[in-house]
């Protein structure tokens, strides 16, 4: 027995036309949003954490908070 394809759908497949690749999806389904891959190095975080430490008066015992804040800031900046 042949399977039936619901109305308003097209098979999901990839086709090549004139060098371009087109992906067909079921009707009403949008392509996933493009996401940026953000790579933040330990050195970038360390520099920002140090800057925060200096900005906040070189208070000792705040290293973890500075590190986490530095990481948060850099991720926010990179995702824009």
N, C-alpha and C. Protein backbone atom coordinates (compact mmCIF):
# COMPACT_ATOMS: atom_id res chain seq x y z
N UNK A 1 0.84 -1.16 0.00
CA UNK A 1 0.00 0.00 0.00
C UNK A 1 0.89 1.24 0.00
N UNK A 2 0.62 2.19 -0.85
CA UNK A 2 1.44 3.39 -0.98
C UNK A 2 1.10 4.37 0.14
N UNK A 3 2.15 5.04 0.66
CA UNK A 3 1.91 6.03 1.71
C UNK A 3 1.43 7.32 1.08
N UNK A 4 0.57 8.03 1.79
CA UNK A 4 0.03 9.27 1.28
C UNK A 4 0.78 10.45 1.87
N UNK A 5 1.02 11.45 1.05
CA UNK A 5 1.66 12.68 1.50
C UNK A 5 0.55 13.67 1.84
N UNK A 6 0.58 14.24 3.07
CA UNK A 6 -0.46 15.21 3.44
C UNK A 6 -0.47 16.39 2.48
N UNK A 7 -1.65 17.03 2.35
CA UNK A 7 -1.77 18.20 1.48
C UNK A 7 -0.84 19.30 1.97
N UNK A 8 -0.45 20.17 1.07
CA UNK A 8 0.38 21.34 1.35
C UNK A 8 1.78 20.99 1.87
N UNK A 9 2.28 19.85 1.51
CA UNK A 9 3.64 19.51 1.91
C UNK A 9 4.43 19.10 0.68
N UNK A 10 5.72 19.26 0.82
CA UNK A 10 6.62 18.79 -0.21
C UNK A 10 7.67 17.95 0.48
N UNK A 11 8.24 16.99 -0.18
CA UNK A 11 9.26 16.19 0.47
C UNK A 11 10.46 17.05 0.85
N UNK A 12 11.06 16.73 1.99
CA UNK A 12 12.27 17.42 2.39
C UNK A 12 13.42 16.77 1.65
N UNK A 13 14.09 17.57 0.83
CA UNK A 13 15.20 17.05 0.06
C UNK A 13 16.10 18.22 -0.33
N UNK A 14 17.24 17.89 -0.85
CA UNK A 14 18.16 18.92 -1.32
C UNK A 14 18.38 18.71 -2.81
N UNK A 15 18.26 19.81 -3.55
CA UNK A 15 18.47 19.74 -4.98
C UNK A 15 19.51 20.76 -5.39
N UNK A 16 20.20 20.50 -6.48
CA UNK A 16 21.19 21.45 -7.01
C UNK A 16 20.66 21.96 -8.33
N UNK A 17 20.63 23.28 -8.43
CA UNK A 17 20.17 23.92 -9.65
C UNK A 17 21.16 25.00 -10.02
N UNK A 18 21.86 24.84 -11.08
CA UNK A 18 22.79 25.87 -11.54
C UNK A 18 23.83 26.25 -10.50
N UNK A 19 24.28 25.31 -9.73
CA UNK A 19 25.31 25.58 -8.74
C UNK A 19 24.76 25.98 -7.38
N UNK A 20 23.46 26.28 -7.28
CA UNK A 20 22.87 26.66 -6.00
C UNK A 20 22.21 25.44 -5.37
N UNK A 21 22.24 25.36 -4.07
CA UNK A 21 21.60 24.27 -3.36
C UNK A 21 20.31 24.78 -2.75
N UNK A 22 19.21 24.07 -2.98
CA UNK A 22 17.91 24.45 -2.44
C UNK A 22 17.40 23.31 -1.57
N UNK A 23 16.93 23.64 -0.37
CA UNK A 23 16.35 22.64 0.49
C UNK A 23 14.85 22.86 0.52
N UNK A 24 14.09 21.83 0.20
CA UNK A 24 12.64 21.90 0.22
C UNK A 24 12.14 21.40 1.57
N UNK A 25 11.16 22.10 2.13
CA UNK A 25 10.60 21.74 3.43
C UNK A 25 9.08 21.64 3.31
N UNK A 26 8.45 20.98 4.28
CA UNK A 26 6.98 20.95 4.28
C UNK A 26 6.44 22.38 4.29
N UNK A 27 5.28 22.57 3.67
CA UNK A 27 4.68 23.91 3.61
C UNK A 27 4.50 24.48 5.00
N UNK A 28 4.83 25.75 5.16
CA UNK A 28 4.67 26.42 6.44
C UNK A 28 5.83 26.26 7.39
N UNK A 29 6.82 25.45 7.04
CA UNK A 29 7.98 25.25 7.90
C UNK A 29 9.09 26.17 7.42
N UNK A 30 9.57 27.01 8.33
CA UNK A 30 10.63 27.93 7.97
C UNK A 30 12.00 27.30 8.22
N UNK A 31 12.97 27.82 7.50
CA UNK A 31 14.34 27.36 7.70
C UNK A 31 14.81 27.78 9.09
N UNK A 32 15.64 26.98 9.73
CA UNK A 32 16.16 27.37 11.04
C UNK A 32 16.98 28.65 10.93
N UNK A 33 16.90 29.48 11.94
CA UNK A 33 17.65 30.73 11.95
C UNK A 33 19.14 30.44 11.98
N UNK A 34 19.89 31.23 11.26
CA UNK A 34 21.34 31.07 11.25
C UNK A 34 21.88 31.46 12.62
N UNK A 35 22.79 30.66 13.14
CA UNK A 35 23.37 30.97 14.43
C UNK A 35 24.86 31.18 14.25
N UNK A 36 25.38 32.11 15.03
CA UNK A 36 26.82 32.36 14.99
C UNK A 36 27.50 31.44 15.98
N UNK A 37 28.60 30.90 15.57
CA UNK A 37 29.42 30.14 16.50
C UNK A 37 30.43 31.12 17.07
N UNK A 38 30.31 31.32 18.37
CA UNK A 38 31.15 32.30 19.04
C UNK A 38 32.26 31.56 19.77
N UNK A 39 33.49 31.90 19.45
CA UNK A 39 34.64 31.28 20.10
C UNK A 39 35.36 32.36 20.89
N UNK A 40 35.28 32.24 22.21
CA UNK A 40 35.95 33.19 23.09
C UNK A 40 37.11 32.44 23.75
N UNK A 41 38.28 33.02 23.68
CA UNK A 41 39.45 32.35 24.24
C UNK A 41 39.59 32.65 25.73
N UNK A 42 40.33 31.79 26.41
CA UNK A 42 40.62 32.00 27.83
C UNK A 42 41.38 33.31 28.02
N UNK A 43 42.22 33.65 27.07
CA UNK A 43 43.00 34.88 27.17
C UNK A 43 42.09 36.11 27.11
N UNK A 44 41.07 36.07 26.26
CA UNK A 44 40.13 37.18 26.18
C UNK A 44 39.37 37.34 27.50
N UNK A 45 38.93 36.22 28.05
CA UNK A 45 38.20 36.27 29.32
C UNK A 45 39.11 36.77 30.43
N UNK A 46 40.34 36.26 30.46
CA UNK A 46 41.28 36.67 31.50
C UNK A 46 41.56 38.17 31.43
N UNK A 47 41.75 38.69 30.22
CA UNK A 47 42.01 40.13 30.06
C UNK A 47 40.81 40.94 30.53
N UNK A 48 39.61 40.53 30.13
CA UNK A 48 38.41 41.27 30.54
C UNK A 48 38.20 41.17 32.04
N UNK A 49 38.44 40.00 32.63
CA UNK A 49 38.31 39.83 34.07
C UNK A 49 39.30 40.73 34.81
N UNK A 50 40.51 40.82 34.28
CA UNK A 50 41.52 41.70 34.88
C UNK A 50 41.07 43.16 34.79
N UNK A 51 40.54 43.55 33.64
CA UNK A 51 40.04 44.91 33.47
C UNK A 51 38.92 45.21 34.47
N UNK A 52 38.02 44.25 34.67
CA UNK A 52 36.94 44.43 35.64
C UNK A 52 37.50 44.56 37.06
N UNK A 53 38.50 43.74 37.37
CA UNK A 53 39.14 43.77 38.69
C UNK A 53 39.73 45.15 38.96
N UNK A 54 40.44 45.68 37.98
CA UNK A 54 41.04 47.01 38.13
C UNK A 54 39.95 48.07 38.25
N UNK A 55 38.94 47.98 37.37
CA UNK A 55 37.84 48.95 37.37
C UNK A 55 37.12 48.98 38.72
N UNK A 56 37.03 47.83 39.36
CA UNK A 56 36.32 47.72 40.64
C UNK A 56 37.23 47.93 41.84
N UNK A 57 38.40 48.49 41.64
CA UNK A 57 39.28 48.86 42.75
C UNK A 57 40.21 47.76 43.22
N UNK A 58 40.49 46.78 42.39
CA UNK A 58 41.44 45.70 42.71
C UNK A 58 41.06 44.95 43.99
N UNK A 59 39.77 44.76 44.20
CA UNK A 59 39.30 44.05 45.39
C UNK A 59 39.61 42.56 45.27
N UNK A 60 40.23 42.02 46.30
CA UNK A 60 40.56 40.59 46.32
C UNK A 60 39.33 39.77 46.68
N UNK A 61 39.34 38.52 46.24
CA UNK A 61 38.24 37.61 46.55
C UNK A 61 37.09 37.69 45.56
N UNK A 62 37.25 38.45 44.50
CA UNK A 62 36.19 38.61 43.50
C UNK A 62 36.55 37.95 42.16
N UNK A 63 37.56 37.10 42.19
CA UNK A 63 38.06 36.54 40.92
C UNK A 63 37.00 35.75 40.17
N UNK A 64 36.25 34.92 40.86
CA UNK A 64 35.24 34.11 40.17
C UNK A 64 34.13 34.99 39.59
N UNK A 65 33.67 35.96 40.37
CA UNK A 65 32.64 36.87 39.88
C UNK A 65 33.14 37.67 38.68
N UNK A 66 34.39 38.14 38.74
CA UNK A 66 34.96 38.88 37.61
C UNK A 66 35.07 38.00 36.37
N UNK A 67 35.48 36.77 36.57
CA UNK A 67 35.62 35.84 35.44
C UNK A 67 34.26 35.60 34.78
N UNK A 68 33.26 35.30 35.59
CA UNK A 68 31.93 35.02 35.05
C UNK A 68 31.33 36.25 34.36
N UNK A 69 31.53 37.41 34.94
CA UNK A 69 31.04 38.64 34.33
C UNK A 69 31.76 38.92 33.02
N UNK A 70 33.06 38.71 33.00
CA UNK A 70 33.84 38.90 31.78
C UNK A 70 33.33 37.97 30.67
N UNK A 71 33.10 36.74 31.02
CA UNK A 71 32.61 35.76 30.05
C UNK A 71 31.23 36.17 29.53
N UNK A 72 30.35 36.61 30.43
CA UNK A 72 29.01 37.03 30.04
C UNK A 72 29.09 38.23 29.08
N UNK A 73 29.91 39.21 29.43
CA UNK A 73 30.04 40.40 28.58
C UNK A 73 30.56 40.06 27.19
N UNK A 74 31.58 39.23 27.13
CA UNK A 74 32.16 38.87 25.84
C UNK A 74 31.17 38.10 24.98
N UNK A 75 30.43 37.18 25.57
CA UNK A 75 29.43 36.43 24.80
C UNK A 75 28.37 37.37 24.26
N UNK A 76 27.94 38.32 25.09
CA UNK A 76 26.92 39.28 24.65
C UNK A 76 27.45 40.13 23.49
N UNK A 77 28.68 40.57 23.60
CA UNK A 77 29.28 41.39 22.54
C UNK A 77 29.44 40.61 21.24
N UNK A 78 29.86 39.37 21.35
CA UNK A 78 30.12 38.55 20.16
C UNK A 78 28.82 38.13 19.46
N UNK A 79 27.73 38.04 20.20
CA UNK A 79 26.49 37.56 19.59
C UNK A 79 25.73 38.66 18.87
N UNK A 80 26.18 39.90 18.99
CA UNK A 80 25.51 41.02 18.30
C UNK A 80 25.82 41.01 16.84
